[in-house]
């Protein structure tokens, strides 16, 4: 947990695990790791975007990806997300939204 960020407990989370899922806008993410630092459930990891993901980027998105060596956040454990919203608040690029998981 980052200094200055509020502690989150299970009582603070709005949903059971798996109801909500974080969605990362690849055109906005600059890989600054704030989501990784604040998530109490370890939903996020840093990684490199692949060739297929890179093809879907806008020109600005490609330039950002190039500048950050393709490093971005990935919701590798989205199934354990409780929808607390700390990642949304912490992301300086506003690249994360929470959506209801389709079942």
Protein backbone atom coordinates (compact mmCIF):
# COMPACT_ATOMS: atom_id res chain seq x y z
CA UNK A 1 0.00 0.00 0.00
CA UNK A 2 1.34 3.43 -0.91
CA UNK A 3 1.90 5.99 1.85
CA UNK A 4 -0.93 8.49 1.79
CA UNK A 5 -3.42 6.06 0.21
CA UNK A 6 -6.27 4.91 2.44
CA UNK A 7 -6.15 1.39 3.75
CA UNK A 8 -8.90 -0.81 2.33
CA UNK A 9 -10.50 -3.70 4.14
CA UNK A 10 -13.06 -6.23 2.99
CA UNK A 11 -15.80 -4.09 4.55
CA UNK A 12 -14.82 -1.20 2.23
CA UNK A 13 -15.21 -3.25 -0.94
CA UNK A 14 -18.49 -2.88 -2.72
CA UNK A 15 -18.84 -6.33 -4.28
CA UNK A 16 -17.96 -9.96 -3.90
CA UNK A 17 -14.95 -11.17 -5.86
CA UNK A 18 -15.66 -11.59 -9.55
CA UNK A 19 -18.71 -9.32 -9.81
CA UNK A 20 -16.69 -6.38 -11.12
CA UNK A 21 -13.68 -6.41 -13.39
CA UNK A 22 -11.10 -3.74 -14.17
CA UNK A 23 -10.75 -2.78 -17.83
CA UNK A 24 -7.54 -1.07 -18.92
CA UNK A 25 -7.57 1.37 -21.82
CA UNK A 26 -4.38 0.41 -23.69
CA UNK A 27 -4.27 3.82 -25.38
CA UNK A 28 -4.03 5.57 -22.01
CA UNK A 29 -1.94 3.25 -19.81
CA UNK A 30 1.63 4.45 -19.33
CA UNK A 31 2.72 1.69 -16.96
CA UNK A 32 3.28 3.85 -13.88
CA UNK A 33 2.28 0.97 -11.55
CA UNK A 34 -0.05 2.93 -9.28
CA UNK A 35 -2.75 0.27 -9.73
CA UNK A 36 -0.29 -2.45 -8.73
CA UNK A 37 0.67 -0.55 -5.59
CA UNK A 38 -2.83 0.26 -4.33
CA UNK A 39 -4.78 -2.92 -5.12
CA UNK A 40 -5.37 -4.89 -1.92
CA UNK A 41 -6.13 -8.05 -3.93
CA UNK A 42 -3.07 -8.13 -6.23
CA UNK A 43 -5.24 -7.96 -9.34
CA UNK A 44 -2.60 -6.16 -11.44
CA UNK A 45 0.86 -6.98 -12.77
CA UNK A 46 3.12 -5.07 -15.08
CA UNK A 47 4.00 -6.55 -18.45
CA UNK A 48 4.64 -5.73 -22.09
CA UNK A 49 1.88 -5.37 -24.61
CA UNK A 50 1.97 -7.86 -27.42
CA UNK A 51 1.99 -7.36 -31.15
CA UNK A 52 -1.76 -7.91 -31.46
CA UNK A 53 -2.55 -5.39 -28.70
CA UNK A 54 -0.19 -2.89 -30.27
CA UNK A 55 -2.07 -3.14 -33.59
CA UNK A 56 -5.24 -1.96 -31.85
CA UNK A 57 -3.66 1.23 -30.55
CA UNK A 58 -4.23 4.69 -31.94
CA UNK A 59 -1.23 6.69 -33.15
CA UNK A 60 -1.02 8.46 -29.78
CA UNK A 61 -1.31 5.09 -28.03
CA UNK A 62 1.52 3.67 -30.13
CA UNK A 63 3.72 6.66 -29.32
CA UNK A 64 3.01 6.26 -25.60
CA UNK A 65 3.72 2.52 -25.81
CA UNK A 66 6.99 3.21 -27.61
CA UNK A 67 8.00 5.84 -25.04
CA UNK A 68 7.33 3.41 -22.19
CA UNK A 69 8.89 0.40 -23.97
CA UNK A 70 5.51 -1.32 -24.24
CA UNK A 71 5.22 -1.60 -20.47
CA UNK A 72 1.65 -1.52 -19.20
CA UNK A 73 -0.56 -2.84 -16.44
CA UNK A 74 -2.54 -6.05 -16.88
CA UNK A 75 -5.46 -7.27 -14.77
CA UNK A 76 -4.09 -10.80 -14.54
CA UNK A 77 -6.30 -11.73 -11.59
CA UNK A 78 -9.46 -9.82 -12.54
CA UNK A 79 -11.53 -12.65 -11.06
CA UNK A 80 -10.53 -11.60 -7.52
CA UNK A 81 -11.42 -7.90 -8.03
CA UNK A 82 -13.86 -6.63 -5.38
CA UNK A 83 -14.63 -3.33 -7.09
CA UNK A 84 -13.16 -1.09 -4.36
CA UNK A 85 -12.12 1.47 -6.99
CA UNK A 86 -8.67 2.25 -5.60
CA UNK A 87 -7.08 1.45 -8.96
CA UNK A 88 -9.44 3.82 -10.77
CA UNK A 89 -8.64 6.64 -8.35
CA UNK A 90 -4.88 5.96 -8.33
CA UNK A 91 -4.34 5.78 -12.09
CA UNK A 92 -2.86 9.11 -13.22
CA UNK A 93 -3.89 8.48 -16.85
CA UNK A 94 -7.48 7.47 -15.99
CA UNK A 95 -6.86 4.29 -17.92
CA UNK A 96 -8.89 1.99 -15.65
CA UNK A 97 -12.64 1.56 -15.41
CA UNK A 98 -14.64 -0.97 -13.47
CA UNK A 99 -17.35 -2.89 -15.28
CA UNK A 100 -19.80 -5.56 -14.26
CA UNK A 101 -18.44 -8.92 -15.35
CA UNK A 102 -20.60 -10.66 -17.91
CA UNK A 103 -21.51 -14.13 -16.77
